């Protein structure tokens, strides 16, 4: 899942990137309102984490502009402002959730998982398709009740596919959601991850539509 982080505090930003990357997000980290505005104009993040106070503006004004332009992605607002009026302002400006600094990274990750479920109209916190289950909170995959060990990137790829069974995702869409800007990507990296998932989960779990992309069919 592609996540845009807009945070100008370097130490906090570095810590968040580490925690989010470990969770499986492809993180793009920016530190100014101008860069964030430009990024959203040309990319399509799945979810955003946005600081209120930035060196060249506010996250509130950014968010208002994005919502007017039709941005539908969930937004988690970060701020040191904890007054009731500030929380109301953030939510009324288009934020889907509001987290007051300082905070524990575990709480932020849980809030992001909740926003993702809400975006997909998903009630259960675990994705399932037939005998295959993926638990984002525990970073655990089981097949027929038996745990399956996956690498971080394999887990992220499986999560993208199991979120939307029967929906074809192109190679370009998957690469965009799995890799952040500047990451070195070998030409066959995605195909290698697909191959490994098939070895671990069975050849029927991921289907290739030649010249189109990949799809996870509904499993029985």
N, C-alpha and C. Protein backbone atom coordinates (compact mmCIF):
# COMPACT_ATOMS: atom_id res chain seq x y z
N UNK A 1 0.85 -1.18 0.00
CA UNK A 1 0.00 0.00 0.00
C UNK A 1 0.89 1.24 0.00
N UNK A 2 0.59 2.17 -0.88
CA UNK A 2 1.39 3.39 -1.02
C UNK A 2 0.93 4.44 -0.02
N UNK A 3 1.85 4.93 0.81
CA UNK A 3 1.53 5.89 1.85
C UNK A 3 2.38 7.13 1.68
N UNK A 4 1.73 8.30 1.72
CA UNK A 4 2.45 9.57 1.68
C UNK A 4 2.52 10.13 3.08
N UNK A 5 3.74 10.34 3.57
CA UNK A 5 3.98 10.93 4.88
C UNK A 5 4.47 12.36 4.69
N UNK A 6 3.75 13.32 5.29
CA UNK A 6 4.14 14.73 5.21
C UNK A 6 4.44 15.18 6.63
N UNK A 7 5.73 15.28 6.96
CA UNK A 7 6.17 15.58 8.33
C UNK A 7 7.54 16.26 8.26
N UNK A 8 7.68 17.45 8.85
CA UNK A 8 8.93 18.19 8.73
C UNK A 8 9.92 17.90 9.85
N UNK A 9 9.47 17.26 10.93
CA UNK A 9 10.38 16.89 12.00
C UNK A 9 11.22 15.69 11.54
N UNK A 10 12.53 15.91 11.41
CA UNK A 10 13.39 14.88 10.80
C UNK A 10 13.45 13.62 11.66
N UNK A 11 13.65 13.77 12.96
CA UNK A 11 13.74 12.59 13.81
C UNK A 11 12.44 11.81 13.83
N UNK A 12 11.33 12.53 13.95
CA UNK A 12 10.02 11.85 13.94
C UNK A 12 9.78 11.21 12.58
N UNK A 13 10.09 11.92 11.52
CA UNK A 13 9.89 11.38 10.18
C UNK A 13 10.68 10.11 9.95
N UNK A 14 11.93 10.11 10.38
CA UNK A 14 12.76 8.91 10.20
C UNK A 14 12.18 7.73 10.97
N UNK A 15 11.72 8.00 12.20
CA UNK A 15 11.13 6.93 12.99
C UNK A 15 9.86 6.39 12.37
N UNK A 16 9.03 7.29 11.83
CA UNK A 16 7.79 6.86 11.21
C UNK A 16 8.06 6.05 9.94
N UNK A 17 9.02 6.49 9.16
CA UNK A 17 9.35 5.74 7.94
C UNK A 17 9.78 4.32 8.29
N UNK A 18 10.61 4.18 9.33
CA UNK A 18 11.05 2.85 9.75
C UNK A 18 9.87 1.99 10.18
N UNK A 19 8.99 2.55 11.02
CA UNK A 19 7.84 1.78 11.51
C UNK A 19 6.88 1.42 10.40
N UNK A 20 6.62 2.37 9.50
CA UNK A 20 5.67 2.14 8.42
C UNK A 20 6.21 1.14 7.39
N UNK A 21 7.50 1.25 7.10
CA UNK A 21 8.12 0.33 6.15
C UNK A 21 8.11 -1.09 6.71
N UNK A 22 8.41 -1.20 8.00
CA UNK A 22 8.39 -2.52 8.64
C UNK A 22 6.98 -3.12 8.60
N UNK A 23 5.97 -2.26 8.62
CA UNK A 23 4.58 -2.72 8.57
C UNK A 23 4.17 -3.15 7.17
N UNK A 24 4.99 -2.79 6.16
CA UNK A 24 4.70 -3.21 4.80
C UNK A 24 4.26 -2.10 3.86
N UNK A 25 4.21 -0.86 4.36
CA UNK A 25 3.84 0.26 3.50
C UNK A 25 5.00 0.67 2.61
N UNK A 26 4.68 1.12 1.40
CA UNK A 26 5.66 1.79 0.54
C UNK A 26 5.54 3.27 0.88
N UNK A 27 6.53 3.83 1.56
CA UNK A 27 6.43 5.16 2.15
C UNK A 27 7.18 6.19 1.32
N UNK A 28 6.48 7.28 0.99
CA UNK A 28 7.10 8.45 0.38
C UNK A 28 7.02 9.57 1.42
N UNK A 29 8.20 10.05 1.84
CA UNK A 29 8.27 11.03 2.93
C UNK A 29 8.64 12.40 2.37
N UNK A 30 7.80 13.39 2.64
CA UNK A 30 8.05 14.77 2.24
C UNK A 30 7.98 15.67 3.46
N UNK A 31 8.67 16.84 3.38
CA UNK A 31 8.78 17.69 4.56
C UNK A 31 8.23 19.09 4.36
N UNK A 32 7.55 19.35 3.25
CA UNK A 32 7.00 20.67 3.02
C UNK A 32 5.64 20.57 2.34
N UNK A 33 4.84 21.62 2.52
CA UNK A 33 3.52 21.67 1.89
C UNK A 33 3.66 21.72 0.37
N UNK A 34 4.64 22.46 -0.12
CA UNK A 34 4.82 22.59 -1.57
C UNK A 34 5.12 21.25 -2.20
N UNK A 35 6.06 20.51 -1.62
CA UNK A 35 6.40 19.20 -2.17
C UNK A 35 5.21 18.24 -2.09
N UNK A 36 4.46 18.31 -0.99
CA UNK A 36 3.30 17.44 -0.84
C UNK A 36 2.24 17.76 -1.89
N UNK A 37 2.02 19.05 -2.13
CA UNK A 37 1.02 19.45 -3.13
C UNK A 37 1.41 18.93 -4.51
N UNK A 38 2.68 19.07 -4.84
CA UNK A 38 3.16 18.59 -6.14
C UNK A 38 3.04 17.08 -6.24
N UNK A 39 3.36 16.38 -5.15
CA UNK A 39 3.35 14.91 -5.18
C UNK A 39 1.94 14.37 -5.41
N UNK A 40 0.97 14.91 -4.68
CA UNK A 40 -0.39 14.40 -4.80
C UNK A 40 -0.97 14.73 -6.18
N UNK A 41 -0.46 15.79 -6.80
CA UNK A 41 -0.95 16.16 -8.14
C UNK A 41 -0.56 15.13 -9.20
N UNK A 42 0.52 14.39 -8.94
CA UNK A 42 1.00 13.47 -9.98
C UNK A 42 0.99 12.00 -9.55
N UNK A 43 0.77 11.73 -8.26
CA UNK A 43 0.73 10.35 -7.79
C UNK A 43 -0.62 10.09 -7.13
N UNK A 44 -0.84 8.86 -6.76
CA UNK A 44 -2.13 8.47 -6.18
C UNK A 44 -1.89 7.65 -4.92
N UNK A 45 -1.54 8.30 -3.80
CA UNK A 45 -1.33 7.53 -2.56
C UNK A 45 -2.61 6.86 -2.10
N UNK A 46 -2.46 5.70 -1.49
CA UNK A 46 -3.61 4.98 -0.96
C UNK A 46 -4.08 5.56 0.37
N UNK A 47 -3.12 6.17 1.09
CA UNK A 47 -3.42 6.71 2.42
C UNK A 47 -2.37 7.76 2.74
N UNK A 48 -2.73 8.77 3.55
CA UNK A 48 -1.81 9.86 3.87
C UNK A 48 -1.71 10.05 5.37
N UNK A 49 -0.50 10.38 5.83
CA UNK A 49 -0.26 10.81 7.20
C UNK A 49 0.28 12.23 7.10
N UNK A 50 -0.46 13.18 7.68
CA UNK A 50 -0.23 14.60 7.41
C UNK A 50 -0.04 15.39 8.70
N UNK A 51 1.10 16.08 8.80
CA UNK A 51 1.34 16.94 9.95
C UNK A 51 0.56 18.25 9.80
N UNK A 52 0.09 18.78 10.92
CA UNK A 52 -0.68 20.04 10.88
C UNK A 52 0.22 21.20 10.51
N UNK A 53 1.35 21.35 11.23
CA UNK A 53 2.19 22.53 11.07
C UNK A 53 3.41 22.20 10.22
N UNK A 54 3.53 22.85 9.06
CA UNK A 54 4.65 22.65 8.15
C UNK A 54 5.39 23.96 7.96
N UNK A 55 6.64 23.93 7.53
CA UNK A 55 7.43 25.16 7.45
C UNK A 55 6.89 26.18 6.44
N UNK A 56 6.12 25.74 5.46
CA UNK A 56 5.63 26.67 4.43
C UNK A 56 4.10 26.65 4.32
N UNK A 57 3.43 26.30 5.40
CA UNK A 57 1.98 26.28 5.37
C UNK A 57 1.43 25.32 6.41
N UNK A 58 0.16 24.97 6.28
CA UNK A 58 -0.45 24.05 7.24
C UNK A 58 -1.05 22.85 6.53
N UNK A 59 -1.06 21.76 7.25
CA UNK A 59 -1.70 20.57 6.71
C UNK A 59 -3.19 20.77 6.51
N UNK A 60 -3.78 21.63 7.33
CA UNK A 60 -5.21 21.91 7.20
C UNK A 60 -5.52 22.50 5.83
N UNK A 61 -4.76 23.51 5.42
CA UNK A 61 -5.00 24.13 4.12
C UNK A 61 -4.71 23.16 2.98
N UNK A 62 -3.67 22.36 3.14
CA UNK A 62 -3.38 21.33 2.14
C UNK A 62 -4.58 20.39 1.98
N UNK A 63 -5.07 19.93 3.12
CA UNK A 63 -6.14 18.95 3.11
C UNK A 63 -7.42 19.52 2.51
N UNK A 64 -7.76 20.75 2.87
CA UNK A 64 -8.94 21.39 2.30
C UNK A 64 -8.85 21.44 0.78
N UNK A 65 -7.65 21.82 0.29
CA UNK A 65 -7.47 21.89 -1.16
C UNK A 65 -7.59 20.54 -1.82
N UNK A 66 -7.00 19.52 -1.20
CA UNK A 66 -7.07 18.17 -1.77
C UNK A 66 -8.51 17.66 -1.81
N UNK A 67 -9.26 17.90 -0.75
CA UNK A 67 -10.65 17.44 -0.73
C UNK A 67 -11.47 18.17 -1.78
N UNK A 68 -11.24 19.46 -1.96
CA UNK A 68 -11.96 20.19 -3.00
C UNK A 68 -11.65 19.63 -4.39
N UNK A 69 -10.41 19.15 -4.55
CA UNK A 69 -10.00 18.61 -5.85
C UNK A 69 -10.42 17.15 -6.04
N UNK A 70 -11.02 16.57 -5.02
CA UNK A 70 -11.57 15.23 -5.16
C UNK A 70 -10.73 14.11 -4.55
N UNK A 71 -9.70 14.43 -3.77
CA UNK A 71 -8.90 13.38 -3.13
C UNK A 71 -9.78 12.58 -2.18
N UNK A 72 -9.82 11.27 -2.41
CA UNK A 72 -10.68 10.41 -1.59
C UNK A 72 -9.89 9.56 -0.60
N UNK A 73 -8.57 9.52 -0.71
CA UNK A 73 -7.75 8.66 0.16
C UNK A 73 -7.91 9.07 1.62
N UNK A 74 -7.90 8.10 2.54
CA UNK A 74 -7.98 8.42 3.96
C UNK A 74 -6.77 9.23 4.41
N UNK A 75 -7.01 10.16 5.35
CA UNK A 75 -5.95 11.03 5.87
C UNK A 75 -5.94 10.96 7.39
N UNK A 76 -4.77 10.65 7.95
CA UNK A 76 -4.55 10.69 9.38
C UNK A 76 -3.76 11.96 9.70
N UNK A 77 -4.35 12.86 10.48
CA UNK A 77 -3.72 14.12 10.82
C UNK A 77 -2.88 13.97 12.09
N UNK A 78 -1.63 14.47 12.05
CA UNK A 78 -0.75 14.47 13.21
C UNK A 78 -0.58 15.90 13.70
N UNK A 79 -0.63 16.11 15.01
CA UNK A 79 -0.44 17.46 15.53
C UNK A 79 -0.18 17.43 17.02
N UNK A 80 0.48 18.48 17.50
CA UNK A 80 0.65 18.66 18.94
C UNK A 80 -0.54 19.38 19.55
N UNK A 81 -1.45 19.88 18.73
CA UNK A 81 -2.63 20.60 19.22
C UNK A 81 -3.65 19.58 19.76
N UNK A 82 -3.98 19.71 21.03
CA UNK A 82 -4.89 18.73 21.63
C UNK A 82 -6.18 19.34 22.13
N UNK A 83 -6.42 20.63 21.82
CA UNK A 83 -7.67 21.27 22.25
C UNK A 83 -8.83 20.71 21.45
N UNK A 84 -9.99 20.69 22.05
CA UNK A 84 -11.18 20.16 21.39
C UNK A 84 -11.45 20.90 20.08
N UNK A 85 -11.35 22.22 20.09
CA UNK A 85 -11.62 22.99 18.88
C UNK A 85 -10.67 22.63 17.76
N UNK A 86 -9.41 22.35 18.09
CA UNK A 86 -8.43 21.96 17.07
C UNK A 86 -8.79 20.60 16.48
N UNK A 87 -9.19 19.66 17.33
CA UNK A 87 -9.57 18.34 16.81
C UNK A 87 -10.79 18.45 15.89
N UNK A 88 -11.74 19.29 16.28
CA UNK A 88 -12.92 19.50 15.44
C UNK A 88 -12.53 20.12 14.11
N UNK A 89 -11.63 21.11 14.15
CA UNK A 89 -11.17 21.76 12.91
C UNK A 89 -10.51 20.75 11.98
N UNK A 90 -9.67 19.90 12.53
CA UNK A 90 -8.99 18.90 11.70
C UNK A 90 -9.96 17.95 11.03
N UNK A 91 -10.92 17.46 11.79
CA UNK A 91 -11.89 16.52 11.23
C UNK A 91 -12.83 17.19 10.24
N UNK A 92 -13.26 18.41 10.54
CA UNK A 92 -14.15 19.13 9.64
C UNK A 92 -13.44 19.58 8.36
N UNK A 93 -12.12 19.61 8.39
CA UNK A 93 -11.35 20.01 7.20
C UNK A 93 -11.12 18.84 6.25
N UNK A 94 -11.51 17.63 6.68
CA UNK A 94 -11.39 16.49 5.79
C UNK A 94 -10.55 15.35 6.31
N UNK A 95 -9.98 15.50 7.51
CA UNK A 95 -9.21 14.39 8.09
C UNK A 95 -10.15 13.26 8.50
N UNK A 96 -9.70 12.04 8.32
CA UNK A 96 -10.48 10.88 8.73
C UNK A 96 -10.19 10.46 10.15
N UNK A 97 -9.02 10.85 10.65
CA UNK A 97 -8.66 10.55 12.03
C UNK A 97 -7.62 11.58 12.46
N UNK A 98 -7.38 11.64 13.77
CA UNK A 98 -6.60 12.72 14.35
C UNK A 98 -5.76 12.13 15.47
N UNK A 99 -4.46 12.31 15.43
CA UNK A 99 -3.57 11.71 16.42
C UNK A 99 -2.68 12.80 17.02
N UNK A 100 -2.72 12.94 18.35
CA UNK A 100 -2.01 14.00 19.03
C UNK A 100 -0.60 13.54 19.41
N UNK A 101 0.40 14.37 19.10
CA UNK A 101 1.78 14.10 19.49
C UNK A 101 1.96 14.44 20.97
N UNK A 102 2.84 13.71 21.67
CA UNK A 102 3.56 12.51 21.22
C UNK A 102 2.63 11.29 21.24
N UNK A 103 2.97 10.30 20.42
CA UNK A 103 2.14 9.11 20.34
C UNK A 103 3.04 7.89 20.14
N UNK A 104 2.48 6.73 20.41
CA UNK A 104 3.19 5.47 20.19
C UNK A 104 2.96 5.04 18.74
N UNK A 105 4.01 4.55 18.09
CA UNK A 105 3.87 4.13 16.70
C UNK A 105 2.85 3.00 16.56
N UNK A 106 2.71 2.16 17.57
CA UNK A 106 1.73 1.07 17.51
C UNK A 106 0.31 1.60 17.37
N UNK A 107 0.02 2.71 18.07
CA UNK A 107 -1.31 3.29 17.95
C UNK A 107 -1.53 3.86 16.55
N UNK A 108 -0.51 4.53 16.02
CA UNK A 108 -0.63 5.07 14.67
C UNK A 108 -0.88 3.96 13.66
N UNK A 109 -0.16 2.85 13.77
CA UNK A 109 -0.34 1.75 12.84
C UNK A 109 -1.73 1.14 12.97
N UNK A 110 -2.23 1.03 14.19
CA UNK A 110 -3.58 0.50 14.38
C UNK A 110 -4.62 1.43 13.76
N UNK A 111 -4.43 2.73 13.90
CA UNK A 111 -5.37 3.68 13.30
C UNK A 111 -5.32 3.60 11.78
N UNK A 112 -4.16 3.41 11.22
CA UNK A 112 -4.04 3.28 9.77
C UNK A 112 -4.72 2.01 9.27
N UNK A 113 -4.57 0.93 10.01
CA UNK A 113 -5.26 -0.31 9.62
C UNK A 113 -6.78 -0.11 9.66
N UNK A 114 -7.25 0.61 10.68
CA UNK A 114 -8.69 0.87 10.77
C UNK A 114 -9.17 1.71 9.60
N UNK A 115 -8.39 2.72 9.22
CA UNK A 115 -8.76 3.56 8.07
C UNK A 115 -8.79 2.74 6.79
N UNK A 116 -7.84 1.83 6.65
CA UNK A 116 -7.81 0.98 5.45
C UNK A 116 -9.03 0.08 5.39
N UNK A 117 -9.43 -0.48 6.53
CA UNK A 117 -10.62 -1.32 6.55
C UNK A 117 -11.86 -0.52 6.19
N UNK A 118 -11.93 0.69 6.73
CA UNK A 118 -13.09 1.54 6.44
C UNK A 118 -13.15 1.89 4.96
N UNK A 119 -11.99 2.12 4.36
CA UNK A 119 -11.94 2.45 2.94
C UNK A 119 -12.48 1.32 2.09
N UNK A 120 -12.23 0.08 2.52
CA UNK A 120 -12.67 -1.09 1.77
C UNK A 120 -14.03 -1.61 2.25
N UNK A 121 -14.65 -0.87 3.19
CA UNK A 121 -15.91 -1.31 3.79
C UNK A 121 -15.75 -2.71 4.38
N UNK A 122 -14.59 -2.96 5.00
CA UNK A 122 -14.28 -4.27 5.56
C UNK A 122 -14.53 -4.23 7.06
N UNK A 123 -15.32 -5.16 7.55
CA UNK A 123 -15.65 -5.20 8.98
C UNK A 123 -14.59 -5.97 9.75
N UNK A 124 -14.24 -7.16 9.27
CA UNK A 124 -13.29 -8.00 9.98
C UNK A 124 -11.87 -7.47 9.81
N UNK A 125 -11.03 -7.54 10.85
CA UNK A 125 -9.65 -7.05 10.76
C UNK A 125 -8.71 -7.99 10.00
N UNK A 126 -9.22 -9.17 9.61
CA UNK A 126 -8.40 -10.16 8.90
C UNK A 126 -8.97 -10.36 7.50
N UNK A 127 -8.09 -10.37 6.50
CA UNK A 127 -8.50 -10.66 5.13
C UNK A 127 -8.51 -12.18 4.94
N UNK A 128 -9.54 -12.70 4.29
CA UNK A 128 -9.59 -14.13 4.05
C UNK A 128 -10.12 -14.41 2.66
N UNK A 129 -9.63 -15.49 2.08
CA UNK A 129 -10.08 -15.97 0.78
C UNK A 129 -9.94 -17.48 0.80
N UNK A 130 -11.07 -18.19 0.95
CA UNK A 130 -10.99 -19.63 1.09
C UNK A 130 -10.15 -20.01 2.30
N UNK A 131 -9.17 -20.91 2.13
CA UNK A 131 -8.34 -21.35 3.25
C UNK A 131 -7.22 -20.37 3.60
N UNK A 132 -7.09 -19.30 2.81
CA UNK A 132 -5.99 -18.35 2.98
C UNK A 132 -6.45 -17.17 3.83
N UNK A 133 -5.68 -16.86 4.87
CA UNK A 133 -5.99 -15.72 5.75
C UNK A 133 -4.75 -14.86 5.93
N UNK A 134 -4.96 -13.55 5.94
CA UNK A 134 -3.87 -12.60 6.17
C UNK A 134 -4.30 -11.63 7.26
N UNK A 135 -3.50 -11.56 8.31
CA UNK A 135 -3.78 -10.69 9.45
C UNK A 135 -2.76 -9.55 9.46
N UNK A 136 -3.16 -8.33 9.04
CA UNK A 136 -2.20 -7.22 8.98
C UNK A 136 -1.64 -6.84 10.35
N UNK A 137 -2.47 -6.88 11.39
CA UNK A 137 -2.02 -6.46 12.71
C UNK A 137 -0.91 -7.37 13.25
N UNK A 138 -1.06 -8.67 13.04
CA UNK A 138 -0.05 -9.62 13.52
C UNK A 138 1.01 -9.93 12.47
N UNK A 139 0.82 -9.38 11.29
CA UNK A 139 1.72 -9.65 10.17
C UNK A 139 1.87 -11.16 9.98
N UNK A 140 0.72 -11.82 9.90
CA UNK A 140 0.69 -13.28 9.87
C UNK A 140 -0.18 -13.78 8.72
N UNK A 141 0.29 -14.83 8.06
CA UNK A 141 -0.46 -15.48 6.99
C UNK A 141 -0.62 -16.94 7.35
N UNK A 142 -1.85 -17.46 7.17
CA UNK A 142 -2.08 -18.88 7.38
C UNK A 142 -2.78 -19.46 6.15
N UNK A 143 -2.48 -20.71 5.88
CA UNK A 143 -3.13 -21.45 4.79
C UNK A 143 -3.68 -22.73 5.39
N UNK A 144 -5.00 -22.86 5.39
CA UNK A 144 -5.62 -24.02 6.03
C UNK A 144 -5.31 -24.08 7.51
N UNK A 145 -5.13 -22.92 8.13
CA UNK A 145 -4.84 -22.85 9.55
C UNK A 145 -3.37 -22.98 9.91
N UNK A 146 -2.52 -23.28 8.93
CA UNK A 146 -1.09 -23.43 9.19
C UNK A 146 -0.35 -22.15 8.81
N UNK A 147 0.55 -21.66 9.69
CA UNK A 147 1.27 -20.42 9.39
C UNK A 147 2.22 -20.59 8.21
N UNK A 148 2.34 -19.53 7.43
CA UNK A 148 3.24 -19.51 6.27
C UNK A 148 4.17 -18.31 6.43
N UNK A 149 5.47 -18.56 6.40
CA UNK A 149 6.45 -17.49 6.55
C UNK A 149 6.66 -16.77 5.22
N UNK A 150 6.47 -15.45 5.25
CA UNK A 150 6.67 -14.64 4.05
C UNK A 150 7.64 -13.51 4.35
N UNK A 151 8.34 -13.07 3.33
CA UNK A 151 9.18 -11.89 3.47
C UNK A 151 8.29 -10.65 3.54
N UNK A 152 8.86 -9.53 3.93
CA UNK A 152 8.08 -8.30 4.03
C UNK A 152 7.43 -7.94 2.70
N UNK A 153 8.18 -8.07 1.62
CA UNK A 153 7.65 -7.69 0.31
C UNK A 153 6.61 -8.71 -0.18
N UNK A 154 6.83 -9.99 0.10
CA UNK A 154 5.84 -11.00 -0.27
C UNK A 154 4.53 -10.75 0.46
N UNK A 155 4.63 -10.40 1.74
CA UNK A 155 3.45 -10.11 2.54
C UNK A 155 2.70 -8.92 1.95
N UNK A 156 3.42 -7.87 1.61
CA UNK A 156 2.80 -6.66 1.05
C UNK A 156 2.10 -6.96 -0.27
N UNK A 157 2.74 -7.76 -1.12
CA UNK A 157 2.14 -8.12 -2.40
C UNK A 157 0.88 -8.95 -2.20
N UNK A 158 0.95 -9.92 -1.30
CA UNK A 158 -0.22 -10.76 -1.03
C UNK A 158 -1.36 -9.91 -0.48
N UNK A 159 -1.04 -8.94 0.37
CA UNK A 159 -2.08 -8.10 0.94
C UNK A 159 -2.79 -7.28 -0.14
N UNK A 160 -2.04 -6.77 -1.11
CA UNK A 160 -2.67 -6.02 -2.20
C UNK A 160 -3.64 -6.90 -2.98
N UNK A 161 -3.28 -8.15 -3.21
CA UNK A 161 -4.12 -9.03 -4.01
C UNK A 161 -5.32 -9.57 -3.24
N UNK A 162 -5.12 -9.90 -1.96
CA UNK A 162 -6.21 -10.51 -1.20
C UNK A 162 -7.25 -9.46 -0.78
N UNK A 163 -6.86 -8.19 -0.78
CA UNK A 163 -7.81 -7.13 -0.46
C UNK A 163 -8.94 -7.06 -1.48
N UNK A 164 -8.64 -7.44 -2.73
CA UNK A 164 -9.62 -7.30 -3.81
C UNK A 164 -9.62 -8.54 -4.70
N UNK A 165 -10.14 -9.67 -4.19
CA UNK A 165 -10.16 -10.90 -5.01
C UNK A 165 -10.93 -10.67 -6.31
N UNK A 166 -10.44 -11.31 -7.34
CA UNK A 166 -11.04 -11.23 -8.68
C UNK A 166 -10.80 -9.91 -9.40
N UNK A 167 -10.09 -8.98 -8.76
CA UNK A 167 -9.77 -7.73 -9.45
C UNK A 167 -8.35 -7.83 -10.03
N UNK A 168 -8.24 -7.55 -11.31
CA UNK A 168 -6.93 -7.60 -11.97
C UNK A 168 -6.14 -6.33 -11.63
N UNK A 169 -4.91 -6.51 -11.19
CA UNK A 169 -4.00 -5.39 -10.93
C UNK A 169 -2.84 -5.49 -11.91
N UNK A 170 -2.56 -4.40 -12.58
CA UNK A 170 -1.47 -4.40 -13.54
C UNK A 170 -0.13 -4.41 -12.82
N UNK A 171 0.91 -4.76 -13.55
CA UNK A 171 2.24 -4.74 -12.97
C UNK A 171 2.57 -3.34 -12.47
N UNK A 172 2.21 -2.33 -13.25
CA UNK A 172 2.51 -0.95 -12.89
C UNK A 172 1.78 -0.54 -11.61
N UNK A 173 0.53 -0.97 -11.44
CA UNK A 173 -0.21 -0.65 -10.23
C UNK A 173 0.45 -1.30 -9.01
N UNK A 174 0.87 -2.53 -9.14
CA UNK A 174 1.48 -3.23 -8.01
C UNK A 174 2.82 -2.62 -7.65
N UNK A 175 3.62 -2.30 -8.65
CA UNK A 175 4.93 -1.68 -8.37
C UNK A 175 4.73 -0.35 -7.67
N UNK A 176 3.76 0.43 -8.11
CA UNK A 176 3.50 1.74 -7.50
C UNK A 176 3.10 1.61 -6.04
N UNK A 177 2.35 0.56 -5.70
CA UNK A 177 1.87 0.39 -4.33
C UNK A 177 2.89 -0.27 -3.42
N UNK A 178 3.86 -0.97 -4.00
CA UNK A 178 4.81 -1.73 -3.19
C UNK A 178 6.15 -1.05 -2.99
N UNK A 179 6.49 -0.11 -3.88
CA UNK A 179 7.81 0.50 -3.83
C UNK A 179 7.70 2.01 -3.71
N UNK A 180 8.48 2.60 -2.82
CA UNK A 180 8.49 4.05 -2.67
C UNK A 180 9.47 4.68 -3.65
N UNK A 181 9.43 6.01 -3.74
CA UNK A 181 10.33 6.71 -4.66
C UNK A 181 11.78 6.41 -4.31
N UNK A 182 12.58 6.26 -5.31
CA UNK A 182 14.02 6.12 -5.10
C UNK A 182 14.47 4.71 -4.80
N UNK A 183 13.56 3.79 -4.56
CA UNK A 183 13.97 2.41 -4.31
C UNK A 183 14.46 1.77 -5.61
N UNK A 184 15.57 1.08 -5.50
CA UNK A 184 16.09 0.37 -6.67
C UNK A 184 15.24 -0.87 -6.91
N UNK A 185 14.80 -1.03 -8.15
CA UNK A 185 13.90 -2.13 -8.48
C UNK A 185 14.43 -2.88 -9.68
N UNK A 186 14.81 -4.14 -9.46
CA UNK A 186 15.25 -4.96 -10.58
C UNK A 186 14.06 -5.26 -11.49
N UNK A 187 14.34 -5.43 -12.76
CA UNK A 187 13.27 -5.53 -13.76
C UNK A 187 12.31 -6.69 -13.49
N UNK A 188 12.81 -7.78 -12.89
CA UNK A 188 11.94 -8.94 -12.66
C UNK A 188 11.59 -9.14 -11.19
N UNK A 189 11.76 -8.09 -10.36
CA UNK A 189 11.55 -8.23 -8.92
C UNK A 189 10.13 -8.68 -8.59
N UNK A 190 9.15 -8.06 -9.22
CA UNK A 190 7.76 -8.42 -8.93
C UNK A 190 7.48 -9.86 -9.31
N UNK A 191 7.97 -10.27 -10.46
CA UNK A 191 7.76 -11.64 -10.92
C UNK A 191 8.40 -12.65 -9.96
N UNK A 192 9.53 -12.29 -9.39
CA UNK A 192 10.19 -13.17 -8.42
C UNK A 192 9.31 -13.34 -7.18
N UNK A 193 8.73 -12.24 -6.69
CA UNK A 193 7.87 -12.33 -5.51
C UNK A 193 6.63 -13.17 -5.81
N UNK A 194 6.06 -13.02 -6.99
CA UNK A 194 4.89 -13.83 -7.38
C UNK A 194 5.27 -15.31 -7.40
N UNK A 195 6.45 -15.60 -7.97
CA UNK A 195 6.93 -16.99 -8.03
C UNK A 195 7.07 -17.58 -6.63
N UNK A 196 7.64 -16.81 -5.69
CA UNK A 196 7.82 -17.30 -4.32
C UNK A 196 6.48 -17.53 -3.63
N UNK A 197 5.52 -16.63 -3.85
CA UNK A 197 4.21 -16.81 -3.24
C UNK A 197 3.52 -18.07 -3.76
N UNK A 198 3.67 -18.33 -5.05
CA UNK A 198 3.06 -19.54 -5.61
C UNK A 198 3.69 -20.80 -5.03
N UNK A 199 4.99 -20.77 -4.81
CA UNK A 199 5.67 -21.93 -4.22
C UNK A 199 5.18 -22.18 -2.80
N UNK A 200 4.93 -21.10 -2.05
CA UNK A 200 4.55 -21.24 -0.65
C UNK A 200 3.05 -21.48 -0.46
N UNK A 201 2.23 -20.95 -1.37
CA UNK A 201 0.79 -20.97 -1.16
C UNK A 201 0.02 -21.80 -2.17
N UNK A 202 0.70 -22.20 -3.26
CA UNK A 202 0.02 -22.97 -4.31
C UNK A 202 -0.11 -22.16 -5.58
N UNK A 203 -0.02 -22.84 -6.70
CA UNK A 203 -0.01 -22.16 -7.99
C UNK A 203 -1.33 -21.49 -8.32
N UNK A 204 -2.43 -21.93 -7.67
CA UNK A 204 -3.75 -21.38 -8.00
C UNK A 204 -4.03 -20.06 -7.29
N UNK A 205 -3.18 -19.66 -6.36
CA UNK A 205 -3.45 -18.47 -5.55
C UNK A 205 -3.33 -17.19 -6.37
N UNK A 206 -2.38 -17.12 -7.29
CA UNK A 206 -2.19 -15.94 -8.12
C UNK A 206 -2.18 -16.36 -9.58
N UNK A 207 -3.05 -15.76 -10.36
CA UNK A 207 -3.11 -16.03 -11.78
C UNK A 207 -2.50 -14.87 -12.57
N UNK A 208 -1.77 -15.23 -13.63
CA UNK A 208 -1.20 -14.24 -14.52
C UNK A 208 -2.07 -14.11 -15.76
N UNK A 209 -2.46 -12.89 -16.05
CA UNK A 209 -3.15 -12.60 -17.31
C UNK A 209 -2.13 -11.95 -18.22
N UNK A 210 -1.61 -12.72 -19.14
CA UNK A 210 -0.48 -12.26 -19.95
C UNK A 210 -0.80 -10.93 -20.65
N UNK A 211 0.11 -9.99 -20.46
CA UNK A 211 -0.05 -8.69 -21.07
C UNK A 211 -1.00 -7.77 -20.32
N UNK A 212 -1.60 -8.28 -19.23
CA UNK A 212 -2.57 -7.48 -18.47
C UNK A 212 -2.10 -7.26 -17.03
N UNK A 213 -1.92 -8.36 -16.30
CA UNK A 213 -1.49 -8.22 -14.91
C UNK A 213 -1.72 -9.47 -14.11
N UNK A 214 -2.00 -9.30 -12.82
CA UNK A 214 -2.16 -10.42 -11.89
C UNK A 214 -3.50 -10.31 -11.18
N UNK A 215 -4.05 -11.47 -10.80
CA UNK A 215 -5.31 -11.51 -10.09
C UNK A 215 -5.31 -12.68 -9.11
N UNK A 216 -5.92 -12.47 -7.96
CA UNK A 216 -6.17 -13.57 -7.05
C UNK A 216 -7.62 -13.98 -7.20
N UNK A 217 -7.88 -15.18 -7.72
CA UNK A 217 -9.29 -15.62 -7.86
C UNK A 217 -9.85 -15.97 -6.50
N UNK A 218 -11.16 -16.02 -6.40
CA UNK A 218 -11.79 -16.47 -5.17
C UNK A 218 -11.55 -17.94 -5.00
N UNK A 219 -11.02 -18.29 -3.83
CA UNK A 219 -10.60 -19.67 -3.57
C UNK A 219 -11.69 -20.41 -2.80
N UNK A 220 -11.76 -21.69 -3.02
CA UNK A 220 -12.77 -22.50 -2.32
C UNK A 220 -12.10 -23.31 -1.22
